[in-house]
Amino acid sequence: VQLVESGGRLVQAGGSLRLSCAASGRIFSRDAMGWFLHSPGKEREFVAAINWSGSSRFYADSVKGRFTISRDNAKNTEYLQMNSLKPEDTAVYYCAANTRGSSYEGNDYDYWGQGTQVTVSS
């Protein structure tokens, strides 16, 4: 079972990125999926989550209106569209899968990717 993130890079403030998370080893189409971030010296933070069908999505207050989570179950892939990026968005972003439903809590997630670095310069 593997989740592999991609798309992270250095970008200027105000720019956009799209992160992808490709799943393999099992079918994730019935799992909720989420994105979390980890900045140096801070606790892991929830970013966004989406239920298995894509009909329900929720976000951290810090990214509402700027980030959009989506998924393509046919491709076993989820995405995080990040717009209007700010320097404080700089972090390693992780995707995760939750077999029991959408959750804000990282400890509820069963599978994790290795992370992709997003750096936003001012």
C-alpha atoms as a PDB file:
ATOM      1  CA  VAL A   1       0.000   0.000   0.000  1.00  0.00           C
ATOM      2  CA  GLN A   2       1.518   3.261  -1.044  1.00  0.00           C
ATOM      3  CA  LEU A   3       0.576   6.923  -1.299  1.00  0.00           C
ATOM      4  CA  VAL A   4       2.936   9.103  -3.315  1.00  0.00           C
ATOM      5  CA  GLU A   5       2.660  12.879  -3.313  1.00  0.00           C
ATOM      6  CA  SER A   6       4.016  15.110  -6.053  1.00  0.00           C
ATOM      7  CA  GLY A   7       3.812  18.695  -7.205  1.00  0.00           C
ATOM      8  CA  GLY A   8       5.564  20.509  -4.398  1.00  0.00           C
ATOM      9  CA  ARG A   9       8.152  23.125  -5.335  1.00  0.00           C
ATOM     10  CA  LEU A  10       9.318  26.680  -4.735  1.00  0.00           C
ATOM     11  CA  VAL A  11       6.725  29.278  -5.737  1.00  0.00           C
ATOM     12  CA  GLN A  12       6.322  33.005  -5.204  1.00  0.00           C
ATOM     13  CA  ALA A  13       3.669  34.418  -2.899  1.00  0.00           C
ATOM     14  CA  GLY A  14       0.376  34.784  -4.739  1.00  0.00           C
ATOM     15  CA  GLY A  15       1.150  31.856  -6.990  1.00  0.00           C
ATOM     16  CA  SER A  16      -0.551  28.492  -7.386  1.00  0.00           C
ATOM     17  CA  LEU A  17       0.360  24.843  -7.132  1.00  0.00           C
ATOM     18  CA  ARG A  18      -1.495  21.583  -7.584  1.00  0.00           C
ATOM     19  CA  LEU A  19      -0.412  18.697  -5.421  1.00  0.00           C
ATOM     20  CA  SER A  20      -1.247  15.149  -6.443  1.00  0.00           C
ATOM     21  CA  CYS A  21      -1.397  11.978  -4.394  1.00  0.00           C
ATOM     22  CA  ALA A  22      -1.347   8.691  -6.285  1.00  0.00           C
ATOM     23  CA  ALA A  23      -2.463   5.580  -4.427  1.00  0.00           C
ATOM     24  CA  SER A  24      -1.392   2.048  -5.208  1.00  0.00           C
ATOM     25  CA  GLY A  25      -1.577  -1.350  -3.592  1.00  0.00           C
ATOM     26  CA  ARG A  26      -5.256  -1.138  -2.765  1.00  0.00           C
ATOM     27  CA  ILE A  27      -8.363   0.618  -4.023  1.00  0.00           C
ATOM     28  CA  PHE A  28      -8.955   3.861  -2.142  1.00  0.00           C
ATOM     29  CA  SER A  29     -12.225   4.746  -3.831  1.00  0.00           C
ATOM     30  CA  ARG A  30     -14.182   3.931  -0.642  1.00  0.00           C
ATOM     31  CA  ASP A  31     -11.771   5.747   1.675  1.00  0.00           C
ATOM     32  CA  ALA A  32     -11.885   9.328   2.809  1.00  0.00           C
ATOM     33  CA  MET A  33      -8.746  11.217   1.878  1.00  0.00           C
ATOM     34  CA  GLY A  34      -7.028  14.152   3.474  1.00  0.00           C
ATOM     35  CA  TRP A  35      -4.120  16.550   3.309  1.00  0.00           C
ATOM     36  CA  PHE A  36      -2.010  17.616   6.269  1.00  0.00           C
ATOM     37  CA  LEU A  37       1.016  19.843   6.604  1.00  0.00           C
ATOM     38  CA  HIS A  38       4.023  19.877   8.873  1.00  0.00           C
ATOM     39  CA  SER A  39       6.190  22.925   9.418  1.00  0.00           C
ATOM     40  CA  PRO A  40       9.503  22.793  11.320  1.00  0.00           C
ATOM     41  CA  GLY A  41       9.012  23.201  15.045  1.00  0.00           C
ATOM     42  CA  LYS A  42       5.239  22.847  14.818  1.00  0.00           C
ATOM     43  CA  GLU A  43       2.677  20.096  15.195  1.00  0.00           C
ATOM     44  CA  ARG A  44       1.146  18.417  12.161  1.00  0.00           C
ATOM     45  CA  GLU A  45      -1.867  20.406  10.971  1.00  0.00           C
ATOM     46  CA  PHE A  46      -5.021  19.442   9.150  1.00  0.00           C
ATOM     47  CA  VAL A  47      -5.490  21.113   5.757  1.00  0.00           C
ATOM     48  CA  ALA A  48      -8.446  19.502   3.982  1.00  0.00           C
ATOM     49  CA  ALA A  49     -10.453  16.307   3.704  1.00  0.00           C
ATOM     50  CA  ILE A  50     -12.835  14.756   1.206  1.00  0.00           C
ATOM     51  CA  ASN A  51     -15.195  11.814   1.547  1.00  0.00           C
ATOM     52  CA  TRP A  52     -15.083   8.794  -0.708  1.00  0.00           C
ATOM     53  CA  SER A  53     -17.502  10.177  -3.316  1.00  0.00           C
ATOM     54  CA  GLY A  54     -16.282  13.754  -3.289  1.00  0.00           C
ATOM     55  CA  SER A  55     -19.678  15.034  -2.153  1.00  0.00           C
ATOM     56  CA  SER A  56     -18.356  16.337   1.171  1.00  0.00           C
ATOM     57  CA  ARG A  57     -15.252  18.434   1.661  1.00  0.00           C
ATOM     58  CA  PHE A  58     -13.988  20.508   4.560  1.00  0.00           C
ATOM     59  CA  TYR A  59     -11.015  22.729   5.160  1.00  0.00           C
ATOM     60  CA  ALA A  60      -8.904  24.349   7.805  1.00  0.00           C
ATOM     61  CA  ASP A  61      -9.890  27.976   8.321  1.00  0.00           C
ATOM     62  CA  SER A  62      -6.433  29.081   7.191  1.00  0.00           C
ATOM     63  CA  VAL A  63      -6.950  27.704   3.673  1.00  0.00           C
ATOM     64  CA  LYS A  64     -10.690  28.193   3.074  1.00  0.00           C
ATOM     65  CA  GLY A  65     -11.323  29.999  -0.177  1.00  0.00           C
ATOM     66  CA  ARG A  66      -7.751  29.411  -1.365  1.00  0.00           C
ATOM     67  CA  PHE A  67      -7.311  25.619  -1.467  1.00  0.00           C
ATOM     68  CA  THR A  68      -9.544  23.017  -3.104  1.00  0.00           C
ATOM     69  CA  ILE A  69      -9.388  19.286  -2.453  1.00  0.00           C
ATOM     70  CA  SER A  70     -10.622  16.877  -5.099  1.00  0.00           C
ATOM     71  CA  ARG A  71     -10.269  13.279  -6.144  1.00  0.00           C
ATOM     72  CA  ASP A  72     -10.474  11.063  -9.203  1.00  0.00           C
ATOM     73  CA  ASN A  73     -11.410   7.574  -8.060  1.00  0.00           C
ATOM     74  CA  ALA A  74     -10.886   6.134 -11.525  1.00  0.00           C
ATOM     75  CA  LYS A  75      -7.239   7.169 -11.239  1.00  0.00           C
ATOM     76  CA  ASN A  76      -6.941   6.381  -7.504  1.00  0.00           C
ATOM     77  CA  THR A  77      -5.628   9.921  -7.088  1.00  0.00           C
ATOM     78  CA  GLU A  78      -6.459  12.939  -4.960  1.00  0.00           C
ATOM     79  CA  TYR A  79      -5.448  16.537  -5.514  1.00  0.00           C
ATOM     80  CA  LEU A  80      -4.944  19.763  -3.629  1.00  0.00           C
ATOM     81  CA  GLN A  81      -5.245  22.911  -5.708  1.00  0.00           C
ATOM     82  CA  MET A  82      -3.476  25.698  -3.843  1.00  0.00           C
ATOM     83  CA  ASN A  83      -4.110  29.282  -4.934  1.00  0.00           C
ATOM     84  CA  SER A  84      -3.079  32.654  -3.531  1.00  0.00           C
ATOM     85  CA  LEU A  85      -0.189  31.022  -1.726  1.00  0.00           C
ATOM     86  CA  LYS A  86       1.365  32.766   1.251  1.00  0.00           C
ATOM     87  CA  PRO A  87       4.799  32.335   2.850  1.00  0.00           C
ATOM     88  CA  GLU A  88       3.074  30.821   5.894  1.00  0.00           C
ATOM     89  CA  ASP A  89       1.851  27.962   3.670  1.00  0.00           C
ATOM     90  CA  THR A  90       5.455  26.743   3.479  1.00  0.00           C
ATOM     91  CA  ALA A  91       5.543  23.185   4.799  1.00  0.00           C
ATOM     92  CA  VAL A  92       5.803  19.538   3.891  1.00  0.00           C
ATOM     93  CA  TYR A  93       2.367  18.416   2.708  1.00  0.00           C
ATOM     94  CA  TYR A  94       1.205  14.857   3.299  1.00  0.00           C
ATOM     95  CA  CYS A  95      -1.729  12.998   1.850  1.00  0.00           C
ATOM     96  CA  ALA A  96      -3.500  10.370   3.899  1.00  0.00           C
ATOM     97  CA  ALA A  97      -6.312   7.831   3.601  1.00  0.00           C
ATOM     98  CA  ASN A  98      -8.936   7.078   6.247  1.00  0.00           C
ATOM     99  CA  THR A  99     -10.892   3.845   5.957  1.00  0.00           C
ATOM    100  CA  ARG A 100     -13.494   5.019   8.510  1.00  0.00           C
ATOM    101  CA  GLY A 101     -14.555   8.353   6.984  1.00  0.00           C
ATOM    102  CA  SER A 102     -13.481  11.972   6.810  1.00  0.00           C
ATOM    103  CA  SER A 103     -11.795  13.434   9.854  1.00  0.00           C
ATOM    104  CA  TYR A 104      -9.806  16.446  10.991  1.00  0.00           C
ATOM    105  CA  GLU A 105      -7.657  14.220  13.186  1.00  0.00           C
ATOM    106  CA  GLY A 106      -4.451  12.842  11.735  1.00  0.00           C
ATOM    107  CA  ASN A 107      -4.506   9.919  14.134  1.00  0.00           C
ATOM    108  CA  ASP A 108      -7.701   8.689  12.444  1.00  0.00           C
ATOM    109  CA  TYR A 109      -5.900   8.142   9.142  1.00  0.00           C
ATOM    110  CA  ASP A 110      -4.569   4.710   8.255  1.00  0.00           C
ATOM    111  CA  TYR A 111      -2.207   5.334   5.347  1.00  0.00           C
ATOM    112  CA  TRP A 112       0.256   8.177   4.753  1.00  0.00           C
ATOM    113  CA  GLY A 113       2.463   9.387   1.948  1.00  0.00           C
ATOM    114  CA  GLN A 114       6.067  10.468   2.334  1.00  0.00           C
ATOM    115  CA  GLY A 115       5.327  14.171   1.844  1.00  0.00           C
ATOM    116  CA  THR A 116       6.130  16.844  -0.707  1.00  0.00           C
ATOM    117  CA  GLN A 117       7.829  20.151   0.104  1.00  0.00           C
ATOM    118  CA  VAL A 118       6.025  23.379  -0.695  1.00  0.00           C
ATOM    119  CA  THR A 119       8.039  26.555  -0.268  1.00  0.00           C
ATOM    120  CA  VAL A 120       6.441  29.962  -0.787  1.00  0.00           C
ATOM    121  CA  SER A 121       8.811  32.899  -1.106  1.00  0.00           C
ATOM    122  CA  SER A 122       7.801  36.445  -0.232  1.00  0.00           C
END
